[in-house]
Amino acid sequence: MATKTMRITLPGALSGYVARTVNGGRYQDASEVIREALRRMEAADLAAELDQFDSAFAGGHERAETEDDIQRMEAAVQAGRKR
């Protein structure tokens, strides 16, 4: 996987948290902390998208699909495309 160097600025509280996390031995450096935070953020976004998808198809196995079901599914797909 290719990497790209980025420069970020954090407010004092977040910078302190990163430093404490590294000093506590949980991560080797600040980059590892940021990468883990981004992975967790991405996972949370994916989980939210899956919840939205599940909501669009809620009850689909127990009854016939209604026009409202189709509209909810289309809205969920459109919302996903806007990201």
Protein backbone atom coordinates (compact mmCIF):
# COMPACT_ATOMS: atom_id res chain seq x y z
CA MET A 1 0.00 0.00 0.00
CA ALA A 2 1.39 3.38 -1.02
CA THR A 3 1.70 6.00 1.66
CA LYS A 4 1.52 9.76 1.46
CA THR A 5 3.03 12.12 3.98
CA MET A 6 0.57 14.66 5.36
CA ARG A 7 1.00 17.46 7.84
CA ILE A 8 -1.84 17.94 10.31
CA THR A 9 -2.48 20.41 13.10
CA LEU A 10 -4.29 19.32 16.26
CA PRO A 11 -5.67 21.41 19.10
CA GLY A 12 -3.88 21.05 22.43
CA ALA A 13 -6.30 18.55 23.94
CA LEU A 14 -6.05 16.16 20.99
CA SER A 15 -2.31 16.64 20.69
CA GLY A 16 -1.97 15.82 24.38
CA TYR A 17 -4.12 12.71 23.97
CA VAL A 18 -1.95 11.50 21.10
CA ALA A 19 1.20 12.10 23.16
CA ARG A 20 -0.23 10.29 26.21
CA THR A 21 -1.31 7.36 24.05
CA VAL A 22 2.16 7.04 22.53
CA ASN A 23 3.92 7.53 25.89
CA GLY A 24 1.66 4.89 27.41
CA GLY A 25 3.08 2.36 24.96
CA ARG A 26 -0.13 1.57 23.16
CA TYR A 27 1.25 2.92 19.86
CA GLN A 28 4.80 3.47 18.64
CA ASP A 29 4.26 6.97 17.27
CA ALA A 30 1.67 9.65 16.51
CA SER A 31 1.17 8.35 12.97
CA GLU A 32 -0.06 5.02 14.33
CA VAL A 33 -2.56 6.81 16.57
CA ILE A 34 -3.93 8.86 13.66
CA ARG A 35 -4.11 5.82 11.34
CA GLU A 36 -6.05 3.85 13.97
CA ALA A 37 -8.42 6.77 14.55
CA LEU A 38 -9.09 7.02 10.81
CA ARG A 39 -9.66 3.27 10.52
CA ARG A 40 -12.19 3.45 13.35
CA MET A 41 -13.90 6.45 11.77
CA GLU A 42 -14.11 4.61 8.45
CA ALA A 43 -15.54 1.52 10.19
CA ALA A 44 -18.16 3.66 11.95
CA ASP A 45 -19.14 5.26 8.64
CA LEU A 46 -19.48 1.84 7.04
CA ALA A 47 -21.57 0.58 9.96
CA ALA A 48 -23.88 3.59 9.59
CA GLU A 49 -24.24 2.90 5.87
CA LEU A 50 -25.07 -0.74 6.58
CA ASP A 51 -27.67 0.31 9.16
CA GLN A 52 -29.20 2.62 6.57
CA PHE A 53 -29.22 -0.22 4.04
CA ASP A 54 -30.79 -2.60 6.58
CA SER A 55 -33.47 -0.02 7.37
CA ALA A 56 -34.26 0.31 3.69
CA PHE A 57 -34.91 -3.43 3.48
CA ALA A 58 -36.46 -3.94 6.93
CA GLY A 59 -39.04 -6.67 6.98
CA GLY A 60 -38.39 -7.68 3.40
CA HIS A 61 -38.39 -11.38 4.16
CA GLU A 62 -41.71 -11.39 5.96
CA ARG A 63 -43.95 -9.60 3.46
CA ALA A 64 -44.22 -8.39 -0.10
CA GLU A 65 -42.29 -5.26 -1.06
CA THR A 66 -44.37 -2.07 -0.98
CA GLU A 67 -43.95 1.22 -2.81
CA ASP A 68 -42.80 2.76 0.48
CA ASP A 69 -40.07 0.09 0.76
CA ILE A 70 -38.84 0.93 -2.72
CA GLN A 71 -38.79 4.65 -1.96
CA ARG A 72 -36.82 4.09 1.27
CA MET A 73 -34.33 1.92 -0.58
CA GLU A 74 -33.90 4.52 -3.33
CA ALA A 75 -33.42 7.26 -0.72
CA ALA A 76 -30.76 5.18 1.04
CA VAL A 77 -28.90 4.60 -2.21
CA GLN A 78 -29.08 8.31 -3.11
CA ALA A 79 -27.84 9.29 0.37
CA GLY A 80 -24.89 6.93 -0.07
CA ARG A 81 -24.00 8.46 -3.42
CA LYS A 82 -23.88 11.96 -1.97
CA ARG A 83 -20.97 11.04 0.34
